[in-house]
Protein backbone atom coordinates (compact mmCIF):
# COMPACT_ATOMS: atom_id res chain seq x y z
CA MET A 1 93.86 -44.52 6.50
CA GLN A 2 92.66 -41.82 8.82
CA GLY A 3 88.91 -41.15 8.86
CA SER A 4 87.96 -44.50 7.38
CA LEU A 5 85.94 -47.29 8.92
CA SER A 6 86.01 -50.95 8.07
CA VAL A 7 82.80 -52.82 7.31
CA LEU A 8 83.31 -55.15 10.29
CA THR A 9 83.76 -52.21 12.68
CA PHE A 10 80.63 -50.54 11.29
CA PHE A 11 78.52 -53.68 11.79
CA MET A 12 79.89 -54.10 15.31
CA PHE A 13 78.89 -50.50 16.02
CA LEU A 14 75.38 -51.22 14.74
CA LEU A 15 75.14 -54.24 17.05
CA VAL A 16 76.46 -52.53 20.17
CA VAL A 17 74.67 -49.16 20.05
CA PRO A 18 71.11 -50.53 20.56
CA ARG A 19 72.32 -52.47 23.59
CA LEU A 20 73.56 -49.22 25.09
CA TYR A 21 70.44 -47.17 24.36
CA ASP A 22 67.74 -49.74 25.21
CA PRO A 23 68.20 -49.42 29.01
CA LEU A 24 68.17 -45.63 28.70
CA GLN A 25 64.95 -45.76 26.71
CA GLY A 26 63.38 -48.06 29.30
CA ALA A 27 64.40 -45.71 32.10
CA LEU A 28 62.87 -42.73 30.29
CA GLN A 29 59.62 -44.64 29.77
CA ASN A 30 59.51 -45.43 33.49
CA LEU A 31 60.12 -41.77 34.29
CA ALA A 32 57.22 -40.75 32.05
CA ALA A 33 54.98 -43.28 33.82
CA VAL A 34 55.98 -41.90 37.23
CA ILE A 35 55.23 -38.33 36.14
CA SER A 36 51.85 -39.42 34.77
CA THR A 37 51.08 -41.25 38.00
CA ARG A 38 51.89 -38.17 40.05
CA THR A 39 49.36 -36.19 38.03
CA ASN A 40 46.68 -38.84 38.52
CA ILE A 41 47.37 -39.02 42.25
CA ALA A 42 47.08 -35.24 42.54
CA ARG A 43 43.69 -35.36 40.82
CA MET A 44 42.44 -38.14 43.10
CA ASN A 45 43.65 -36.30 46.19
CA GLU A 46 41.82 -33.18 45.06
CA ILE A 47 38.61 -35.20 44.76
CA LEU A 48 39.12 -36.83 48.16
CA ASP A 49 39.83 -33.48 49.84
CA HIS A 50 36.36 -32.14 49.06
CA PRO A 51 33.76 -32.58 51.78
CA ILE A 52 31.15 -35.30 51.39
CA GLN A 53 27.93 -33.87 50.04
CA GLN A 54 24.95 -34.15 52.32
CA GLY A 55 21.48 -34.82 51.02
CA SER A 56 18.49 -37.06 50.95
CA ASP A 57 18.22 -40.52 49.51
CA ARG A 58 14.65 -39.81 48.36
CA LEU A 59 13.82 -38.72 44.81
CA SER A 60 11.32 -35.85 44.88
CA ASN A 61 10.83 -34.81 41.28
CA GLN A 62 7.31 -35.00 39.84
CA GLY A 63 8.20 -35.17 36.15
CA TYR A 64 10.92 -34.41 33.73
CA THR A 65 11.61 -32.25 30.71
CA HIS A 66 13.68 -33.38 27.79
CA MET A 67 14.71 -30.86 25.18
CA VAL A 68 16.47 -31.77 21.94
CA LYS A 69 17.53 -29.22 19.38
CA LEU A 70 18.17 -30.52 15.88
CA GLN A 71 19.92 -28.36 13.32
CA THR A 72 20.48 -28.74 9.63
CA GLU A 73 21.92 -26.34 7.11
CA SER A 74 18.65 -24.63 6.31
CA GLN A 75 16.28 -25.41 9.20
CA SER A 76 16.27 -25.93 12.92
CA TRP A 77 13.67 -27.78 14.99
CA LYS A 78 13.07 -27.72 18.69
CA LEU A 79 11.39 -30.72 20.32
CA GLU A 80 10.11 -30.59 23.86
């Protein structure tokens, strides 16, 4: 019978195929992790390449201002 498949052969196929594709899936996950790591390393290197900011360790402000703007559908308030 050409083009037919026995039940035993079909079940064997279902048992063998995941064993073939699991290592491939693991390798692709590792590749994705490596690509993600390269992006993170590039970002960290960009931060480290900037010069160190110079400044004082003394705080010189005399006060502060805090502004909050609340909005609703019909009204808006501004608190200072």
